[in-house]
Protein backbone atom coordinates (compact mmCIF):
# COMPACT_ATOMS: atom_id res chain seq x y z
CA MET A 1 32.17 -27.88 -76.18
CA THR A 2 34.65 -28.23 -79.16
CA ASP A 3 33.40 -27.16 -82.45
CA LYS A 4 35.99 -29.91 -84.00
CA ILE A 5 34.14 -33.07 -85.32
CA ALA A 6 36.29 -35.98 -86.45
CA LEU A 7 34.62 -38.75 -88.32
CA ILE A 8 36.14 -42.59 -87.52
CA THR A 9 35.04 -44.87 -89.50
CA GLY A 10 35.80 -48.54 -87.78
CA ALA A 11 35.68 -47.48 -84.53
CA SER A 12 34.33 -50.22 -82.13
CA ARG A 13 37.13 -51.35 -81.72
CA GLY A 14 41.32 -52.23 -82.16
CA PHE A 15 43.42 -49.11 -83.75
CA GLY A 16 39.97 -47.07 -84.35
CA ALA A 17 38.47 -47.38 -81.21
CA ALA A 18 42.13 -46.01 -79.26
CA ILE A 19 42.33 -43.49 -81.64
CA ALA A 20 39.00 -42.21 -80.85
CA LYS A 21 39.58 -42.03 -77.12
CA ALA A 22 42.91 -40.18 -77.99
CA LEU A 23 41.27 -37.32 -80.11
CA ALA A 24 37.68 -37.21 -77.59
CA ALA A 25 39.78 -34.24 -75.64
CA ASP A 26 39.92 -31.70 -78.49
CA TYR A 27 37.04 -33.54 -81.06
CA HIS A 28 33.37 -34.24 -81.21
CA ILE A 29 33.78 -38.20 -82.15
CA VAL A 30 30.99 -39.81 -85.11
CA ALA A 31 32.27 -42.89 -84.05
CA VAL A 32 31.19 -45.50 -86.96
CA ALA A 33 31.02 -49.31 -86.62
CA ARG A 34 28.82 -52.64 -87.66
CA THR A 35 28.19 -53.41 -83.38
CA VAL A 36 26.79 -51.50 -81.41
CA GLY A 37 28.03 -52.93 -78.04
CA ALA A 38 31.52 -52.08 -78.80
CA LEU A 39 30.06 -48.46 -80.05
CA GLU A 40 28.34 -48.33 -76.69
CA GLU A 41 31.33 -49.14 -74.64
CA LEU A 42 33.89 -46.74 -76.58
CA ASP A 43 30.93 -43.74 -75.61
CA ASP A 44 31.37 -44.92 -72.17
CA ALA A 45 34.90 -44.30 -72.54
CA ILE A 46 34.69 -40.88 -74.50
CA GLN A 47 32.32 -39.54 -71.20
CA ALA A 48 34.45 -41.13 -68.62
CA LYS A 49 37.14 -38.61 -70.24
CA GLY A 50 34.70 -35.96 -70.34
CA GLY A 51 34.78 -36.01 -74.22
CA GLN A 52 31.34 -36.30 -76.57
CA ALA A 53 30.11 -38.89 -79.25
CA THR A 54 27.50 -39.66 -82.08
CA LEU A 55 27.58 -43.04 -82.41
CA ALA A 56 26.88 -44.20 -85.94
CA PRO A 57 25.95 -48.15 -85.85
CA MET A 58 26.15 -48.71 -89.75
CA ASP A 59 27.83 -50.93 -92.17
CA VAL A 60 30.40 -48.92 -94.69
CA THR A 61 29.48 -51.14 -97.88
CA VAL A 62 26.09 -49.93 -97.39
CA ASP A 63 26.33 -47.03 -99.82
CA PRO A 64 22.47 -45.14 -98.89
CA ALA A 65 23.90 -45.82 -94.93
CA MET A 66 27.23 -43.73 -96.07
CA GLN A 67 24.77 -41.08 -97.81
CA GLN A 68 22.42 -40.37 -94.95
CA LEU A 69 25.88 -40.30 -92.34
CA CYS A 70 27.47 -37.61 -94.65
CA ARG A 71 24.44 -35.55 -95.36
CA GLY A 72 23.67 -35.46 -91.70
CA ILE A 73 26.88 -34.52 -90.95
CA HIS A 74 26.71 -31.62 -92.99
CA ASP A 75 23.23 -30.59 -92.09
CA ARG A 76 24.35 -30.80 -87.98
CA TRP A 77 27.56 -29.38 -88.30
CA GLY A 78 28.85 -28.27 -91.89
CA LYS A 79 31.87 -29.83 -91.70
CA LEU A 80 34.37 -31.96 -90.60
CA ASP A 81 38.01 -31.51 -89.06
CA LEU A 82 39.20 -34.83 -89.29
CA TRP A 83 38.78 -38.14 -91.21
CA VAL A 84 40.34 -41.48 -89.32
CA HIS A 85 39.75 -44.58 -91.98
CA THR A 86 40.20 -47.49 -89.73
CA ALA A 87 37.42 -49.89 -91.37
CA ILE A 88 38.87 -53.29 -92.70
CA HIS A 89 38.27 -56.39 -93.75
CA ALA A 90 40.72 -59.39 -92.98
CA ALA A 91 39.77 -62.24 -95.49
CA PRO A 92 41.57 -65.55 -94.07
CA LEU A 93 44.98 -66.21 -95.44
CA SER A 94 44.84 -68.58 -98.00
CA PRO A 95 47.40 -69.55 -101.27
CA ALA A 96 46.67 -66.76 -103.86
CA SER A 97 45.58 -69.73 -106.27
CA HIS A 98 42.89 -70.61 -103.72
CA ILE A 99 41.23 -67.54 -103.06
CA SER A 100 37.79 -68.13 -102.06
CA PRO A 101 35.83 -65.84 -104.84
CA LYS A 102 33.21 -64.94 -101.69
CA ASP A 103 36.45 -63.71 -99.49
CA PHE A 104 38.25 -61.28 -101.90
CA ALA A 105 34.76 -59.88 -103.07
CA SER A 106 34.01 -58.65 -99.54
CA SER A 107 37.61 -57.60 -99.46
CA LEU A 108 37.63 -55.55 -102.62
CA ASN A 109 34.11 -54.55 -101.07
CA VAL A 110 35.13 -53.29 -97.74
CA ASN A 111 38.98 -52.13 -98.68
CA VAL A 112 38.38 -50.75 -101.82
CA THR A 113 35.10 -49.93 -103.02
CA ALA A 114 33.68 -48.34 -100.00
CA THR A 115 36.95 -46.03 -99.02
CA GLN A 116 37.01 -44.49 -102.30
CA ARG A 117 33.32 -43.80 -102.10
CA LEU A 118 33.93 -42.53 -98.71
CA MET A 119 36.39 -40.61 -100.39
CA SER A 120 33.89 -38.77 -102.58
CA TYR A 121 31.21 -38.19 -100.00
CA VAL A 122 33.62 -37.11 -96.96
CA ALA A 123 35.96 -34.49 -99.22
CA PRO A 124 33.54 -31.46 -99.13
CA LEU A 125 32.56 -32.02 -95.83
CA LEU A 126 36.96 -31.86 -95.02
CA GLY A 127 37.05 -28.68 -97.46
CA THR A 128 40.61 -27.00 -97.83
CA THR A 129 41.42 -27.44 -94.37
CA GLY A 130 40.52 -30.59 -92.87
CA ARG A 131 42.34 -34.13 -92.86
CA ALA A 132 41.87 -37.52 -93.79
CA VAL A 133 43.61 -40.10 -92.49
CA PHE A 134 44.84 -43.70 -93.50
CA CYS A 135 46.56 -46.87 -92.32
CA ASP A 136 49.45 -48.29 -94.00
CA ASP A 137 50.41 -52.07 -93.56
CA ALA A 138 52.93 -53.30 -95.98
CA VAL A 139 51.76 -56.86 -96.46
CA ALA A 140 51.34 -57.05 -100.03
CA GLY A 141 53.24 -59.42 -102.25
CA GLN A 142 54.31 -61.86 -99.15
CA LYS A 143 52.70 -65.22 -99.18
CA PHE A 144 49.03 -66.09 -98.60
CA TYR A 145 48.09 -62.70 -98.00
CA GLY A 146 47.15 -62.21 -101.37
CA THR A 147 43.70 -61.35 -100.71
CA TYR A 148 44.17 -58.76 -97.97
CA GLY A 149 47.75 -57.42 -99.36
CA ALA A 150 45.76 -56.78 -103.30
CA THR A 151 43.17 -54.72 -102.02
CA LYS A 152 44.84 -53.17 -98.90
CA ALA A 153 47.64 -51.72 -101.32
CA ALA A 154 44.39 -50.96 -103.15
CA GLN A 155 42.97 -48.81 -100.76
CA MET A 156 46.36 -47.10 -99.97
CA ALA A 157 46.88 -46.72 -103.94
CA LEU A 158 43.74 -44.28 -104.02
CA ALA A 159 44.98 -42.86 -100.80
CA ARG A 160 48.51 -41.81 -102.28
CA SER A 161 46.71 -40.62 -105.14
CA TRP A 162 44.57 -38.39 -102.85
CA GLU A 163 47.21 -37.08 -100.79
CA ALA A 164 49.29 -36.21 -104.64
CA GLU A 165 46.20 -34.54 -105.97
CA THR A 166 44.83 -32.38 -103.01
CA THR A 167 48.95 -31.06 -102.19
CA ARG A 168 48.22 -27.80 -102.92
CA THR A 169 44.55 -27.69 -102.52
CA GLY A 170 43.80 -29.47 -99.36
CA PRO A 171 42.62 -31.57 -97.80
CA LYS A 172 45.20 -32.41 -96.18
CA VAL A 173 46.00 -36.41 -96.23
CA VAL A 174 48.01 -38.15 -93.75
CA LEU A 175 49.95 -41.73 -93.97
CA VAL A 176 50.11 -43.57 -90.78
CA ALA A 177 51.83 -46.93 -90.02
CA PRO A 178 51.10 -48.39 -86.49
CA ALA A 179 53.22 -50.74 -85.10
CA PRO A 180 51.94 -54.45 -84.91
CA MET A 181 49.04 -54.42 -82.60
CA PRO A 182 46.95 -57.45 -79.87
CA THR A 183 44.10 -56.37 -81.80
CA ALA A 184 41.22 -58.93 -83.90
CA LEU A 185 42.81 -58.69 -87.47
CA ARG A 186 45.79 -59.49 -86.22
CA ALA A 187 44.75 -62.56 -84.29
CA ARG A 188 42.89 -63.66 -87.94
CA PHE A 189 46.96 -64.07 -88.96
CA PHE A 190 49.20 -64.72 -86.92
CA PRO A 191 46.69 -67.39 -83.98
CA GLY A 192 48.31 -68.40 -80.93
CA GLU A 193 51.13 -65.85 -81.62
CA ASP A 194 52.63 -64.30 -78.05
CA ARG A 195 50.82 -60.62 -77.76
CA SER A 196 52.40 -59.35 -74.61
CA ALA A 197 55.19 -58.49 -77.26
CA LEU A 198 52.66 -55.96 -79.34
CA THR A 199 52.61 -52.31 -78.44
CA SER A 200 48.72 -51.63 -77.41
CA PRO A 201 46.67 -50.04 -79.92
CA ASP A 202 46.02 -46.90 -77.11
CA ALA A 203 50.02 -46.43 -76.78
CA GLU A 204 50.10 -46.06 -80.66
CA ALA A 205 47.38 -43.97 -80.83
CA ALA A 206 49.09 -42.07 -78.38
CA ARG A 207 52.58 -41.93 -80.49
CA LEU A 208 50.54 -41.60 -84.14
CA LEU A 209 48.32 -38.50 -82.43
CA ARG A 210 50.42 -35.20 -83.17
CA GLN A 211 51.24 -36.82 -87.07
CA ILE A 212 47.22 -37.33 -87.13
CA THR A 213 46.05 -34.56 -86.10
CA GLY A 214 49.33 -32.21 -87.56
């Protein structure tokens, strides 16, 4: 049994699930997502590889739940070695002048506010030697991406600030840029796209694994 612990937020599908499976050989996975069925499928896949997971069916925007999660990690293991944050809200594409206030608020809540709160809760668990990983997506400023692009850019600004602030002290903050993948998020932006030309999440997880784990 490994004594290394990895927290994956947004672990039920896409890149989050793929990186959870890729890490399972060397880490006990704490998998966070809202969809219980998808988490159970991930658990089956991890067990089939000989790994172990703790499932946390929680919403990252619910502050008491995230406090409970991180307190539970502290009480059980006393630390985290790795946090990979893939939870994201993809609002519908829209002209900037027609953005839905509800969609914008939801995107801010998931992509920015929840990320900032999680940083504050996870940082003590990572200590000076852990690693925090964020997924970049350079769409800010592209037409119709106002909601997703603005909130994703804000998320990455937080991550880059944390990266600069912890260069000497740790934890190590890592930014990765996955290639386009046939995920549910991308399908919302590119309906009808030929997905056969895209890179699978499992392949991207394998490609980025060394960068993520160091």
